[in-house]
Amino acid sequence: MLFRKMIEEGQVRGNLKKVTPDTCLFESGSPNKELYYLITGSAQVTPVTGVPRKVQAGTLLGLPDLMRDNYSYTVVTTEPTEVLCIPKEELQQMLQVDPALRLYLIQQMSKHTMLTSTSYE
């Protein structure tokens, strides 16, 4: 909710895109340059190892890989979807100056079940 509010207030900037079903937002191994916030719609998240799961609007995709060069999972939209594409560098700079955002993103990362397999790397 904090993140959505920051978007609405213009504190988080990005490019709003409308995408069709079955659009691959990113795939495992591809360069990580953006994070994607689902404004509307849904997507399927498929980790390299593990079970695919469906996520709904209000989900920030790419967060577990914020500090990596490549994505560790694949995301494909499952219905018409609006996404805000947020440059990774912009979010990293915001984290340097906004403690509330840092805490929020840490909380969000702890909810990602797919982190358990890579949390000890």
C-alpha atoms as a PDB file:
ATOM      1  CA  MET A   1       0.000   0.000   0.000  1.00  0.00           C
ATOM      2  CA  LEU A   2       2.872   2.357   0.747  1.00  0.00           C
ATOM      3  CA  PHE A   3       4.354   1.659  -2.671  1.00  0.00           C
ATOM      4  CA  ARG A   4       1.041   2.280  -4.459  1.00  0.00           C
ATOM      5  CA  LYS A   5       0.672   5.575  -2.574  1.00  0.00           C
ATOM      6  CA  MET A   6       4.191   6.593  -3.602  1.00  0.00           C
ATOM      7  CA  ILE A   7       3.302   5.864  -7.227  1.00  0.00           C
ATOM      8  CA  GLU A   8       0.094   7.900  -7.012  1.00  0.00           C
ATOM      9  CA  GLU A   9       1.975  10.822  -5.442  1.00  0.00           C
ATOM     10  CA  GLY A  10       4.626  10.728  -8.183  1.00  0.00           C
ATOM     11  CA  GLN A  11       7.456   9.713  -5.841  1.00  0.00           C
ATOM     12  CA  VAL A  12       8.008   6.519  -7.845  1.00  0.00           C
ATOM     13  CA  ARG A  13       8.358   7.129 -11.554  1.00  0.00           C
ATOM     14  CA  GLY A  14       8.179   4.722 -14.429  1.00  0.00           C
ATOM     15  CA  ASN A  15       6.561   3.996 -17.766  1.00  0.00           C
ATOM     16  CA  LEU A  16       2.982   2.775 -17.750  1.00  0.00           C
ATOM     17  CA  LYS A  17       2.382   0.005 -20.291  1.00  0.00           C
ATOM     18  CA  LYS A  18      -0.708  -1.929 -21.268  1.00  0.00           C
ATOM     19  CA  VAL A  19       0.098  -5.507 -22.197  1.00  0.00           C
ATOM     20  CA  THR A  20      -1.945  -8.368 -23.584  1.00  0.00           C
ATOM     21  CA  PRO A  21      -2.332 -11.827 -22.057  1.00  0.00           C
ATOM     22  CA  ASP A  22       0.630 -14.180 -22.536  1.00  0.00           C
ATOM     23  CA  THR A  23       3.140 -11.312 -22.665  1.00  0.00           C
ATOM     24  CA  CYS A  24       6.483 -12.206 -21.098  1.00  0.00           C
ATOM     25  CA  LEU A  25       7.532  -9.298 -18.875  1.00  0.00           C
ATOM     26  CA  PHE A  26      10.897 -10.928 -18.210  1.00  0.00           C
ATOM     27  CA  GLU A  27      12.459 -14.357 -18.177  1.00  0.00           C
ATOM     28  CA  SER A  28      14.979 -16.109 -16.002  1.00  0.00           C
ATOM     29  CA  GLY A  29      18.523 -15.244 -17.007  1.00  0.00           C
ATOM     30  CA  SER A  30      17.646 -12.059 -18.893  1.00  0.00           C
ATOM     31  CA  PRO A  31      19.253  -8.734 -17.850  1.00  0.00           C
ATOM     32  CA  ASN A  32      17.537  -7.106 -14.879  1.00  0.00           C
ATOM     33  CA  LYS A  33      16.954  -3.463 -15.795  1.00  0.00           C
ATOM     34  CA  GLU A  34      13.422  -2.822 -14.514  1.00  0.00           C
ATOM     35  CA  LEU A  35      10.963  -3.819 -11.847  1.00  0.00           C
ATOM     36  CA  TYR A  36       7.313  -4.166 -12.755  1.00  0.00           C
ATOM     37  CA  TYR A  37       4.408  -3.091 -10.576  1.00  0.00           C
ATOM     38  CA  LEU A  38       1.080  -4.643 -11.575  1.00  0.00           C
ATOM     39  CA  ILE A  39      -1.486  -1.842 -11.636  1.00  0.00           C
ATOM     40  CA  THR A  40      -4.273  -4.069 -12.989  1.00  0.00           C
ATOM     41  CA  GLY A  41      -4.472  -7.661 -14.137  1.00  0.00           C
ATOM     42  CA  SER A  42      -2.474 -10.691 -13.127  1.00  0.00           C
ATOM     43  CA  ALA A  43       0.605 -12.681 -14.063  1.00  0.00           C
ATOM     44  CA  GLN A  44       2.170 -16.088 -13.559  1.00  0.00           C
ATOM     45  CA  VAL A  45       5.516 -16.216 -11.783  1.00  0.00           C
ATOM     46  CA  THR A  46       7.593 -19.278 -12.647  1.00  0.00           C
ATOM     47  CA  PRO A  47      10.791 -19.855 -10.662  1.00  0.00           C
ATOM     48  CA  VAL A  48      13.581 -21.920 -12.223  1.00  0.00           C
ATOM     49  CA  THR A  49      12.892 -24.607  -9.643  1.00  0.00           C
ATOM     50  CA  GLY A  50       9.543 -24.688  -7.933  1.00  0.00           C
ATOM     51  CA  VAL A  51       5.874 -24.344  -8.632  1.00  0.00           C
ATOM     52  CA  PRO A  52       4.433 -21.499 -10.751  1.00  0.00           C
ATOM     53  CA  ARG A  53       2.089 -19.168  -8.919  1.00  0.00           C
ATOM     54  CA  LYS A  54      -0.358 -16.483  -9.949  1.00  0.00           C
ATOM     55  CA  VAL A  55       0.009 -12.921  -8.650  1.00  0.00           C
ATOM     56  CA  GLN A  56      -2.529 -10.126  -8.757  1.00  0.00           C
ATOM     57  CA  ALA A  57      -2.533  -6.342  -9.126  1.00  0.00           C
ATOM     58  CA  GLY A  58      -0.528  -4.645  -6.401  1.00  0.00           C
ATOM     59  CA  THR A  59       2.468  -6.956  -6.797  1.00  0.00           C
ATOM     60  CA  LEU A  60       5.984  -5.635  -7.399  1.00  0.00           C
ATOM     61  CA  LEU A  61       7.767  -8.056  -9.733  1.00  0.00           C
ATOM     62  CA  GLY A  62      11.543  -8.318  -9.889  1.00  0.00           C
ATOM     63  CA  LEU A  63      12.073  -7.366  -6.255  1.00  0.00           C
ATOM     64  CA  PRO A  64      13.945 -10.548  -5.219  1.00  0.00           C
ATOM     65  CA  ASP A  65      16.490  -9.760  -7.947  1.00  0.00           C
ATOM     66  CA  LEU A  66      16.921  -6.059  -7.136  1.00  0.00           C
ATOM     67  CA  MET A  67      20.621  -6.494  -6.362  1.00  0.00           C
ATOM     68  CA  ARG A  68      21.336  -8.990  -9.162  1.00  0.00           C
ATOM     69  CA  ASP A  69      22.269  -8.475 -12.798  1.00  0.00           C
ATOM     70  CA  ASN A  70      19.783 -11.065 -14.120  1.00  0.00           C
ATOM     71  CA  TYR A  71      16.278 -12.205 -13.247  1.00  0.00           C
ATOM     72  CA  SER A  72      15.971 -15.535 -11.452  1.00  0.00           C
ATOM     73  CA  TYR A  73      12.417 -16.314 -12.586  1.00  0.00           C
ATOM     74  CA  THR A  74      10.009 -15.760 -15.478  1.00  0.00           C
ATOM     75  CA  VAL A  75       6.830 -13.659 -15.441  1.00  0.00           C
ATOM     76  CA  VAL A  76       4.061 -13.925 -18.051  1.00  0.00           C
ATOM     77  CA  THR A  77       0.792 -11.973 -17.938  1.00  0.00           C
ATOM     78  CA  THR A  78      -2.380 -14.055 -17.726  1.00  0.00           C
ATOM     79  CA  GLU A  79      -4.909 -11.367 -18.723  1.00  0.00           C
ATOM     80  CA  PRO A  80      -4.908  -7.797 -20.073  1.00  0.00           C
ATOM     81  CA  THR A  81      -2.622  -6.004 -17.647  1.00  0.00           C
ATOM     82  CA  GLU A  82      -1.317  -2.527 -16.882  1.00  0.00           C
ATOM     83  CA  VAL A  83       2.207  -2.443 -15.495  1.00  0.00           C
ATOM     84  CA  LEU A  84       4.407   0.370 -14.311  1.00  0.00           C
ATOM     85  CA  CYS A  85       7.966  -0.313 -15.492  1.00  0.00           C
ATOM     86  CA  ILE A  86      10.332   1.176 -12.912  1.00  0.00           C
ATOM     87  CA  PRO A  87      14.028   1.507 -13.754  1.00  0.00           C
ATOM     88  CA  LYS A  88      16.057  -0.598 -11.321  1.00  0.00           C
ATOM     89  CA  GLU A  89      18.588   2.213 -10.815  1.00  0.00           C
ATOM     90  CA  GLU A  90      15.832   4.638  -9.826  1.00  0.00           C
ATOM     91  CA  LEU A  91      14.502   2.299  -7.154  1.00  0.00           C
ATOM     92  CA  GLN A  92      18.007   1.626  -5.835  1.00  0.00           C
ATOM     93  CA  GLN A  93      18.593   5.386  -5.500  1.00  0.00           C
ATOM     94  CA  MET A  94      15.291   5.827  -3.669  1.00  0.00           C
ATOM     95  CA  LEU A  95      16.291   3.120  -1.204  1.00  0.00           C
ATOM     96  CA  GLN A  96      19.353   5.169  -0.256  1.00  0.00           C
ATOM     97  CA  VAL A  97      17.241   8.092   1.008  1.00  0.00           C
ATOM     98  CA  ASP A  98      13.872   6.656   2.073  1.00  0.00           C
ATOM     99  CA  PRO A  99      13.928   4.455   5.203  1.00  0.00           C
ATOM    100  CA  ALA A 100      10.158   3.780   5.036  1.00  0.00           C
ATOM    101  CA  LEU A 101      10.570   2.422   1.507  1.00  0.00           C
ATOM    102  CA  ARG A 102      13.489   0.234   2.620  1.00  0.00           C
ATOM    103  CA  LEU A 103      11.403  -1.288   5.418  1.00  0.00           C
ATOM    104  CA  TYR A 104       8.428  -1.809   3.114  1.00  0.00           C
ATOM    105  CA  LEU A 105      10.518  -3.585   0.471  1.00  0.00           C
ATOM    106  CA  ILE A 106      12.178  -5.791   3.088  1.00  0.00           C
ATOM    107  CA  GLN A 107       8.700  -6.807   4.267  1.00  0.00           C
ATOM    108  CA  GLN A 108       7.640  -7.531   0.692  1.00  0.00           C
ATOM    109  CA  MET A 109      10.741  -9.615   0.036  1.00  0.00           C
ATOM    110  CA  SER A 110      10.047 -11.710   3.116  1.00  0.00           C
ATOM    111  CA  LYS A 111       6.670 -12.639   1.607  1.00  0.00           C
ATOM    112  CA  HIS A 112       8.225 -14.083  -1.558  1.00  0.00           C
ATOM    113  CA  THR A 113       8.156 -17.837  -1.046  1.00  0.00           C
ATOM    114  CA  MET A 114      10.552 -18.322  -3.929  1.00  0.00           C
ATOM    115  CA  LEU A 115      13.312 -16.636  -1.932  1.00  0.00           C
ATOM    116  CA  THR A 116      13.684 -19.601   0.366  1.00  0.00           C
ATOM    117  CA  SER A 117      15.718 -21.601  -2.137  1.00  0.00           C
ATOM    118  CA  THR A 118      18.221 -18.770  -2.711  1.00  0.00           C
ATOM    119  CA  SER A 119      18.263 -17.086   0.659  1.00  0.00           C
ATOM    120  CA  TYR A 120      21.436 -18.872   1.768  1.00  0.00           C
ATOM    121  CA  GLU A 121      23.542 -18.208  -1.329  1.00  0.00           C
END
